Amino acid sequence: MIVVVQRVARAAVAVEGEVVGEIGRGLLLLACGVTNDRDDDVLWLADKIVDLRVFPDLQGLTNLSLSDVGGSALVVSQFTLAADWRKGRRPSFLRAAPPEEGERLVALLAARLSERGVPVSEGRFGAMMEVSLVNDGPFTLVLDGAQRGGSGSSS
């Protein structure tokens, strides 16, 4: 799974002019299930997102997590994150999970965040969505579950 994490003051997603999800302070998560994603990889990413220290403390240092600040998450599916743009001018999306699996994986991410106590709002899978946000920082990270084995850096 690939997740773009944006720290926001507020964010909302609308479908055909109707707001279907919105949050105040928290994280906007653009999420894409990819082929060969395993449930435990998605759960690991959700736990990582809840515990990432990306919010400033009283000294302005990024020492606080989503749960520390009582923030919310807005989860929006975005299969284009899996684009392979290396050849030609039209990206290929073959790396993205098939729609049914992609929807299940994004729902699993949202469910795990909720299980961890994070208030979650969601976009509508497969819909043309309009996402609005007030980026806080800006502070944006790209998390790729394929890097799970990583370098072993401390948290």
N, C-alpha and C. Protein backbone atom coordinates (compact mmCIF):
# COMPACT_ATOMS: atom_id res chain seq x y z
N MET A 1 0.85 -1.18 0.00
CA MET A 1 0.00 0.00 0.00
C MET A 1 0.89 1.23 0.00
N ILE A 2 0.43 2.21 -0.73
CA ILE A 2 1.10 3.51 -0.76
C ILE A 2 0.14 4.50 -0.13
N VAL A 3 0.65 5.33 0.79
CA VAL A 3 -0.18 6.33 1.45
C VAL A 3 0.56 7.65 1.46
N VAL A 4 -0.07 8.68 0.90
CA VAL A 4 0.44 10.03 1.04
C VAL A 4 -0.22 10.61 2.28
N VAL A 5 0.60 11.05 3.23
CA VAL A 5 0.13 11.57 4.51
C VAL A 5 0.35 13.07 4.52
N GLN A 6 -0.72 13.82 4.65
CA GLN A 6 -0.61 15.27 4.71
C GLN A 6 -1.20 15.76 6.03
N ARG A 7 -0.38 16.48 6.79
CA ARG A 7 -0.86 17.09 8.02
C ARG A 7 -1.73 18.29 7.63
N VAL A 8 -2.94 18.32 8.15
CA VAL A 8 -3.88 19.36 7.76
C VAL A 8 -4.51 20.06 8.95
N ALA A 9 -4.88 21.32 8.72
CA ALA A 9 -5.70 22.05 9.70
C ALA A 9 -7.15 21.62 9.54
N ARG A 10 -7.52 21.33 8.26
CA ARG A 10 -8.85 20.79 7.96
C ARG A 10 -8.81 20.25 6.54
N ALA A 11 -9.72 19.33 6.25
CA ALA A 11 -9.81 18.75 4.91
C ALA A 11 -11.21 18.22 4.71
N ALA A 12 -11.61 18.15 3.44
CA ALA A 12 -12.93 17.63 3.10
C ALA A 12 -12.87 16.98 1.73
N VAL A 13 -13.80 16.06 1.50
CA VAL A 13 -13.92 15.42 0.19
C VAL A 13 -15.40 15.46 -0.19
N ALA A 14 -15.63 15.84 -1.47
CA ALA A 14 -17.00 15.94 -1.97
C ALA A 14 -17.15 15.07 -3.21
N VAL A 15 -18.35 14.54 -3.40
CA VAL A 15 -18.72 13.78 -4.59
C VAL A 15 -19.97 14.44 -5.16
N GLU A 16 -19.87 14.87 -6.41
CA GLU A 16 -21.00 15.54 -7.07
C GLU A 16 -21.55 16.68 -6.22
N GLY A 17 -20.65 17.47 -5.64
CA GLY A 17 -21.04 18.63 -4.86
C GLY A 17 -21.45 18.36 -3.43
N GLU A 18 -21.58 17.09 -3.04
CA GLU A 18 -21.98 16.73 -1.68
C GLU A 18 -20.75 16.33 -0.87
N VAL A 19 -20.56 16.98 0.27
CA VAL A 19 -19.44 16.62 1.15
C VAL A 19 -19.75 15.26 1.75
N VAL A 20 -18.85 14.30 1.52
CA VAL A 20 -19.05 12.95 2.04
C VAL A 20 -18.12 12.63 3.20
N GLY A 21 -17.12 13.48 3.42
CA GLY A 21 -16.20 13.29 4.53
C GLY A 21 -15.45 14.58 4.81
N GLU A 22 -15.24 14.88 6.08
CA GLU A 22 -14.47 16.07 6.43
C GLU A 22 -13.91 15.91 7.84
N ILE A 23 -12.78 16.59 8.05
CA ILE A 23 -12.12 16.55 9.35
C ILE A 23 -11.59 17.94 9.69
N GLY A 24 -11.29 18.13 10.96
CA GLY A 24 -10.55 19.29 11.42
C GLY A 24 -9.08 18.91 11.44
N ARG A 25 -8.39 19.27 12.49
CA ARG A 25 -6.97 18.98 12.61
C ARG A 25 -6.71 17.48 12.53
N GLY A 26 -5.74 17.11 11.71
CA GLY A 26 -5.42 15.70 11.59
C GLY A 26 -4.61 15.40 10.35
N LEU A 27 -4.89 14.25 9.75
CA LEU A 27 -4.14 13.79 8.60
C LEU A 27 -5.08 13.45 7.45
N LEU A 28 -4.77 13.98 6.28
CA LEU A 28 -5.40 13.56 5.05
C LEU A 28 -4.56 12.42 4.51
N LEU A 29 -5.19 11.27 4.26
CA LEU A 29 -4.49 10.09 3.80
C LEU A 29 -5.00 9.71 2.41
N LEU A 30 -4.16 9.88 1.41
CA LEU A 30 -4.46 9.42 0.06
C LEU A 30 -3.87 8.03 -0.03
N ALA A 31 -4.72 7.02 -0.22
CA ALA A 31 -4.29 5.63 -0.08
C ALA A 31 -4.55 4.82 -1.34
N CYS A 32 -3.58 3.96 -1.66
CA CYS A 32 -3.69 3.10 -2.84
C CYS A 32 -3.24 1.69 -2.49
N GLY A 33 -4.14 0.73 -2.62
CA GLY A 33 -3.76 -0.67 -2.50
C GLY A 33 -3.02 -1.09 -3.76
N VAL A 34 -1.97 -1.85 -3.59
CA VAL A 34 -1.20 -2.32 -4.74
C VAL A 34 -1.23 -3.85 -4.77
N THR A 35 -0.93 -4.40 -5.95
CA THR A 35 -0.92 -5.85 -6.08
C THR A 35 0.05 -6.44 -5.06
N ASN A 36 -0.28 -7.57 -4.55
CA ASN A 36 0.53 -8.30 -3.56
C ASN A 36 0.52 -7.68 -2.17
N ASP A 37 -0.33 -6.67 -1.92
CA ASP A 37 -0.47 -6.17 -0.55
C ASP A 37 -1.05 -7.27 0.32
N ARG A 38 -0.54 -7.39 1.53
CA ARG A 38 -1.08 -8.33 2.50
C ARG A 38 -1.78 -7.54 3.60
N ASP A 39 -2.76 -8.13 4.21
CA ASP A 39 -3.50 -7.45 5.27
C ASP A 39 -2.56 -6.97 6.37
N ASP A 40 -1.58 -7.79 6.76
CA ASP A 40 -0.70 -7.39 7.85
C ASP A 40 0.15 -6.18 7.46
N ASP A 41 0.44 -5.99 6.18
CA ASP A 41 1.17 -4.81 5.73
C ASP A 41 0.31 -3.55 5.90
N VAL A 42 -0.98 -3.67 5.57
CA VAL A 42 -1.90 -2.54 5.70
C VAL A 42 -2.10 -2.19 7.18
N LEU A 43 -2.24 -3.20 8.02
CA LEU A 43 -2.41 -2.97 9.45
C LEU A 43 -1.15 -2.31 10.03
N TRP A 44 0.01 -2.76 9.59
CA TRP A 44 1.27 -2.17 10.03
C TRP A 44 1.33 -0.69 9.64
N LEU A 45 0.94 -0.38 8.40
CA LEU A 45 0.95 1.02 7.95
C LEU A 45 -0.02 1.86 8.77
N ALA A 46 -1.20 1.34 9.04
CA ALA A 46 -2.18 2.09 9.85
C ALA A 46 -1.60 2.38 11.22
N ASP A 47 -1.00 1.38 11.84
CA ASP A 47 -0.39 1.59 13.16
C ASP A 47 0.74 2.61 13.09
N LYS A 48 1.53 2.54 12.04
CA LYS A 48 2.63 3.50 11.84
C LYS A 48 2.06 4.91 11.73
N ILE A 49 0.98 5.08 10.98
CA ILE A 49 0.37 6.40 10.78
C ILE A 49 -0.13 6.96 12.10
N VAL A 50 -0.80 6.15 12.91
CA VAL A 50 -1.32 6.61 14.20
C VAL A 50 -0.18 7.07 15.10
N ASP A 51 0.95 6.41 15.04
CA ASP A 51 2.05 6.68 15.97
C ASP A 51 3.14 7.61 15.42
N LEU A 52 3.05 7.99 14.15
CA LEU A 52 4.05 8.90 13.59
C LEU A 52 4.05 10.22 14.34
N ARG A 53 5.23 10.68 14.68
CA ARG A 53 5.35 11.96 15.39
C ARG A 53 5.50 13.07 14.34
N VAL A 54 4.37 13.62 13.94
CA VAL A 54 4.36 14.62 12.87
C VAL A 54 3.70 15.94 13.27
N PHE A 55 3.26 16.03 14.52
CA PHE A 55 2.63 17.27 14.99
C PHE A 55 3.57 17.96 15.98
N PRO A 56 3.58 19.29 15.96
CA PRO A 56 4.50 20.02 16.84
C PRO A 56 4.06 20.00 18.30
N ASP A 57 5.06 19.95 19.17
CA ASP A 57 4.81 20.10 20.60
C ASP A 57 4.87 21.59 20.94
N LEU A 58 4.86 21.93 22.21
CA LEU A 58 4.87 23.33 22.62
C LEU A 58 6.14 24.06 22.21
N GLN A 59 7.21 23.31 21.98
CA GLN A 59 8.47 23.91 21.54
C GLN A 59 8.58 23.95 20.01
N GLY A 60 7.55 23.48 19.33
CA GLY A 60 7.56 23.49 17.87
C GLY A 60 8.26 22.30 17.24
N LEU A 61 8.66 21.32 18.05
CA LEU A 61 9.32 20.12 17.53
C LEU A 61 8.28 19.07 17.19
N THR A 62 8.51 18.30 16.15
CA THR A 62 7.54 17.28 15.74
C THR A 62 7.68 16.06 16.64
N ASN A 63 7.09 16.17 17.81
CA ASN A 63 7.17 15.12 18.82
C ASN A 63 5.83 14.47 19.13
N LEU A 64 4.75 14.94 18.52
CA LEU A 64 3.43 14.44 18.87
C LEU A 64 2.81 13.65 17.72
N SER A 65 2.06 12.62 18.09
CA SER A 65 1.40 11.77 17.10
C SER A 65 -0.05 12.19 16.92
N LEU A 66 -0.69 11.58 15.96
CA LEU A 66 -2.11 11.83 15.71
C LEU A 66 -2.93 11.56 16.96
N SER A 67 -2.64 10.47 17.65
CA SER A 67 -3.39 10.16 18.86
C SER A 67 -3.05 11.14 19.99
N ASP A 68 -1.80 11.63 20.05
CA ASP A 68 -1.42 12.60 21.08
C ASP A 68 -2.22 13.89 20.98
N VAL A 69 -2.50 14.32 19.74
CA VAL A 69 -3.20 15.60 19.55
C VAL A 69 -4.71 15.42 19.40
N GLY A 70 -5.19 14.18 19.47
CA GLY A 70 -6.61 13.93 19.31
C GLY A 70 -7.11 14.27 17.91
N GLY A 71 -6.25 14.07 16.92
CA GLY A 71 -6.59 14.40 15.54
C GLY A 71 -7.42 13.33 14.86
N SER A 72 -7.93 13.69 13.70
CA SER A 72 -8.77 12.80 12.89
C SER A 72 -8.03 12.43 11.61
N ALA A 73 -8.60 11.48 10.88
CA ALA A 73 -8.04 11.08 9.60
C ALA A 73 -9.13 11.10 8.54
N LEU A 74 -8.78 11.64 7.37
CA LEU A 74 -9.66 11.58 6.21
C LEU A 74 -8.98 10.67 5.21
N VAL A 75 -9.59 9.51 4.95
CA VAL A 75 -9.01 8.48 4.08
C VAL A 75 -9.68 8.58 2.70
N VAL A 76 -8.86 8.81 1.69
CA VAL A 76 -9.35 8.96 0.32
C VAL A 76 -8.58 8.00 -0.57
N SER A 77 -9.30 7.15 -1.27
CA SER A 77 -8.63 6.20 -2.17
C SER A 77 -8.11 6.95 -3.39
N GLN A 78 -6.90 6.58 -3.83
CA GLN A 78 -6.30 7.23 -4.99
C GLN A 78 -5.39 6.23 -5.70
N PHE A 79 -5.97 5.47 -6.64
CA PHE A 79 -5.21 4.42 -7.34
C PHE A 79 -4.07 4.99 -8.17
N THR A 80 -4.11 6.26 -8.50
CA THR A 80 -3.05 6.84 -9.34
C THR A 80 -1.70 6.89 -8.63
N LEU A 81 -1.69 6.66 -7.32
CA LEU A 81 -0.41 6.61 -6.60
C LEU A 81 0.46 5.46 -7.08
N ALA A 82 -0.16 4.45 -7.68
CA ALA A 82 0.58 3.28 -8.16
C ALA A 82 1.06 3.45 -9.60
N ALA A 83 0.99 4.65 -10.12
CA ALA A 83 1.34 4.88 -11.53
C ALA A 83 2.79 4.53 -11.82
N ASP A 84 2.98 3.89 -12.97
CA ASP A 84 4.32 3.68 -13.53
C ASP A 84 4.41 4.64 -14.71
N TRP A 85 5.22 5.66 -14.57
CA TRP A 85 5.31 6.72 -15.55
C TRP A 85 6.63 6.71 -16.31
N ARG A 86 7.41 5.62 -16.14
CA ARG A 86 8.76 5.58 -16.71
C ARG A 86 8.78 5.51 -18.23
N LYS A 87 7.80 4.88 -18.85
CA LYS A 87 7.78 4.73 -20.31
C LYS A 87 6.69 5.60 -20.91
N GLY A 88 7.00 6.23 -22.01
CA GLY A 88 6.00 6.99 -22.73
C GLY A 88 5.49 8.18 -21.95
N ARG A 89 4.30 8.63 -22.33
CA ARG A 89 3.71 9.81 -21.69
C ARG A 89 2.41 9.50 -20.98
N ARG A 90 1.88 8.30 -21.14
CA ARG A 90 0.65 7.91 -20.45
C ARG A 90 1.02 6.92 -19.35
N PRO A 91 0.73 7.26 -18.09
CA PRO A 91 1.09 6.34 -17.01
C PRO A 91 0.29 5.04 -17.07
N SER A 92 0.92 3.98 -16.58
CA SER A 92 0.27 2.68 -16.45
C SER A 92 -0.11 2.48 -14.99
N PHE A 93 -1.25 1.88 -14.77
CA PHE A 93 -1.72 1.66 -13.40
C PHE A 93 -1.82 0.18 -13.06
N LEU A 94 -1.03 -0.64 -13.74
CA LEU A 94 -1.08 -2.08 -13.53
C LEU A 94 -0.64 -2.49 -12.14
N ARG A 95 0.13 -1.67 -11.47
CA ARG A 95 0.59 -1.99 -10.11
C ARG A 95 -0.53 -1.86 -9.08
N ALA A 96 -1.56 -1.05 -9.41
CA ALA A 96 -2.68 -0.87 -8.48
C ALA A 96 -3.44 -2.18 -8.33
N ALA A 97 -3.91 -2.43 -7.12
CA ALA A 97 -4.73 -3.62 -6.88
C ALA A 97 -6.01 -3.52 -7.71
N PRO A 98 -6.58 -4.65 -8.12
CA PRO A 98 -7.88 -4.62 -8.81
C PRO A 98 -8.90 -3.88 -7.94
N PRO A 99 -9.90 -3.25 -8.55
CA PRO A 99 -10.83 -2.40 -7.79
C PRO A 99 -11.42 -3.04 -6.53
N GLU A 100 -11.91 -4.27 -6.60
CA GLU A 100 -12.52 -4.88 -5.41
C GLU A 100 -11.50 -5.04 -4.29
N GLU A 101 -10.30 -5.45 -4.65
CA GLU A 101 -9.24 -5.62 -3.64
C GLU A 101 -8.75 -4.28 -3.13
N GLY A 102 -8.62 -3.32 -4.02
CA GLY A 102 -8.20 -1.98 -3.61
C GLY A 102 -9.18 -1.38 -2.61
N GLU A 103 -10.47 -1.54 -2.90
CA GLU A 103 -11.49 -1.02 -2.00
C GLU A 103 -11.41 -1.70 -0.64
N ARG A 104 -11.21 -3.01 -0.63
CA ARG A 104 -11.09 -3.75 0.63
C ARG A 104 -9.88 -3.29 1.43
N LEU A 105 -8.77 -3.08 0.76
CA LEU A 105 -7.54 -2.67 1.45
C LEU A 105 -7.66 -1.27 2.04
N VAL A 106 -8.24 -0.35 1.29
CA VAL A 106 -8.43 1.01 1.80
C VAL A 106 -9.40 0.99 2.99
N ALA A 107 -10.45 0.18 2.90
CA ALA A 107 -11.40 0.04 4.02
C ALA A 107 -10.71 -0.56 5.24
N LEU A 108 -9.80 -1.50 5.02
CA LEU A 108 -9.05 -2.10 6.12
C LEU A 108 -8.18 -1.06 6.81
N LEU A 109 -7.54 -0.20 6.03
CA LEU A 109 -6.73 0.89 6.60
C LEU A 109 -7.61 1.77 7.48
N ALA A 110 -8.76 2.19 6.96
CA ALA A 110 -9.66 3.06 7.71
C ALA A 110 -10.16 2.37 8.99
N ALA A 111 -10.50 1.10 8.87
CA ALA A 111 -11.01 0.36 10.03
C ALA A 111 -9.95 0.26 11.13
N ARG A 112 -8.70 0.01 10.74
CA ARG A 112 -7.64 -0.11 11.75
C ARG A 112 -7.38 1.23 12.43
N LEU A 113 -7.42 2.32 11.68
CA LEU A 113 -7.25 3.63 12.29
C LEU A 113 -8.35 3.85 13.33
N SER A 114 -9.58 3.51 12.98
CA SER A 114 -10.71 3.65 13.89
C SER A 114 -10.54 2.77 15.12
N GLU A 115 -10.08 1.52 14.91
CA GLU A 115 -9.83 0.61 16.04
C GLU A 115 -8.81 1.20 17.01
N ARG A 116 -7.88 1.97 16.48
CA ARG A 116 -6.84 2.60 17.30
C ARG A 116 -7.33 3.89 17.95
N GLY A 117 -8.61 4.22 17.78
CA GLY A 117 -9.19 5.38 18.46
C GLY A 117 -9.18 6.67 17.66
N VAL A 118 -8.82 6.60 16.39
CA VAL A 118 -8.77 7.80 15.55
C VAL A 118 -10.14 7.99 14.90
N PRO A 119 -10.75 9.17 15.05
CA PRO A 119 -11.97 9.45 14.30
C PRO A 119 -11.65 9.47 12.80
N VAL A 120 -12.40 8.72 12.01
CA VAL A 120 -12.11 8.56 10.59
C VAL A 120 -13.30 9.00 9.75
N SER A 121 -13.01 9.78 8.72
CA SER A 121 -13.95 10.09 7.66
C SER A 121 -13.37 9.53 6.38
N GLU A 122 -14.22 9.26 5.41
CA GLU A 122 -13.73 8.64 4.18
C GLU A 122 -14.33 9.28 2.95
N GLY A 123 -13.60 9.14 1.85
CA GLY A 123 -14.13 9.49 0.55
C GLY A 123 -14.99 8.34 0.07
N ARG A 124 -15.35 8.35 -1.21
CA ARG A 124 -16.17 7.28 -1.78
C ARG A 124 -15.34 6.57 -2.84
N PHE A 125 -15.05 5.32 -2.61
CA PHE A 125 -14.19 4.54 -3.49
C PHE A 125 -14.74 4.54 -4.92
N GLY A 126 -13.86 4.81 -5.87
CA GLY A 126 -14.20 4.75 -7.28
C GLY A 126 -14.93 5.96 -7.82
N ALA A 127 -15.26 6.92 -6.96
CA ALA A 127 -15.99 8.11 -7.41
C ALA A 127 -15.00 9.19 -7.84
N MET A 128 -15.48 10.10 -8.67
CA MET A 128 -14.72 11.30 -8.98
C MET A 128 -14.91 12.22 -7.78
N MET A 129 -13.81 12.50 -7.08
CA MET A 129 -13.90 13.25 -5.83
C MET A 129 -13.17 14.58 -5.95
N GLU A 130 -13.67 15.56 -5.22
CA GLU A 130 -13.01 16.84 -5.07
C GLU A 130 -12.50 16.91 -3.64
N VAL A 131 -11.18 17.00 -3.50
CA VAL A 131 -10.58 17.04 -2.18
C VAL A 131 -10.09 18.46 -1.92
N SER A 132 -10.48 19.01 -0.79
CA SER A 132 -9.98 20.33 -0.39
C SER A 132 -9.29 20.19 0.95
N LEU A 133 -8.25 20.99 1.12
CA LEU A 133 -7.51 20.91 2.37
C LEU A 133 -6.80 22.20 2.66
N VAL A 134 -6.54 22.41 3.93
CA VAL A 134 -5.64 23.45 4.37
C VAL A 134 -4.47 22.70 4.97
N ASN A 135 -3.38 22.68 4.19
CA ASN A 135 -2.19 21.95 4.59
C ASN A 135 -1.54 22.67 5.76
N ASP A 136 -1.12 21.95 6.77
CA ASP A 136 -0.51 22.51 7.97
C ASP A 136 0.98 22.26 7.90
N GLY A 137 1.71 23.27 7.54
CA GLY A 137 3.17 23.14 7.45
C GLY A 137 3.71 23.87 6.25
N PRO A 138 3.63 23.30 5.09
CA PRO A 138 3.10 21.97 4.78
C PRO A 138 4.00 20.85 5.31
N PHE A 139 3.36 19.75 5.61
CA PHE A 139 4.06 18.57 6.12
C PHE A 139 3.45 17.37 5.41
N THR A 140 4.20 16.80 4.48
CA THR A 140 3.70 15.69 3.66
C THR A 140 4.73 14.58 3.62
N LEU A 141 4.26 13.36 3.80
CA LEU A 141 5.11 12.17 3.72
C LEU A 141 4.51 11.18 2.74
N VAL A 142 5.36 10.38 2.12
CA VAL A 142 4.89 9.28 1.29
C VAL A 142 5.34 7.99 1.96
N LEU A 143 4.37 7.16 2.36
CA LEU A 143 4.67 5.88 2.99
C LEU A 143 4.38 4.78 2.00
N ASP A 144 5.32 3.87 1.86
CA ASP A 144 5.15 2.75 0.94
C ASP A 144 5.38 1.48 1.74
N GLY A 145 4.33 0.66 1.84
CA GLY A 145 4.42 -0.58 2.60
C GLY A 145 5.53 -1.49 2.12
N ALA A 146 5.95 -1.33 0.86
CA ALA A 146 7.04 -2.14 0.32
C ALA A 146 8.35 -1.85 1.05
N GLN A 147 8.42 -0.73 1.75
CA GLN A 147 9.62 -0.35 2.50
C GLN A 147 9.57 -0.82 3.95
N ARG A 148 8.59 -1.65 4.26
CA ARG A 148 8.38 -2.10 5.63
C ARG A 148 9.65 -2.68 6.25
N GLY A 149 10.41 -3.48 5.51
CA GLY A 149 11.64 -4.08 6.03
C GLY A 149 12.67 -3.03 6.35
N GLY A 150 12.65 -1.92 5.61
CA GLY A 150 13.43 -0.71 5.83
C GLY A 150 14.80 -0.86 6.44
N SER A 151 15.32 0.27 6.86
CA SER A 151 16.68 0.36 7.36
C SER A 151 16.78 0.10 8.85
N GLY A 152 15.63 -0.05 9.51
CA GLY A 152 15.65 -0.34 10.94
C GLY A 152 15.91 0.89 11.78
N SER A 153 15.59 2.09 11.27
CA SER A 153 15.82 3.29 12.05
C SER A 153 14.85 3.31 13.23
N SER A 154 15.25 4.00 14.28
CA SER A 154 14.42 4.01 15.49
C SER A 154 13.29 4.99 15.34
N SER A 155 12.24 4.80 16.18
CA SER A 155 11.07 5.67 16.08
C SER A 155 11.18 6.90 16.91
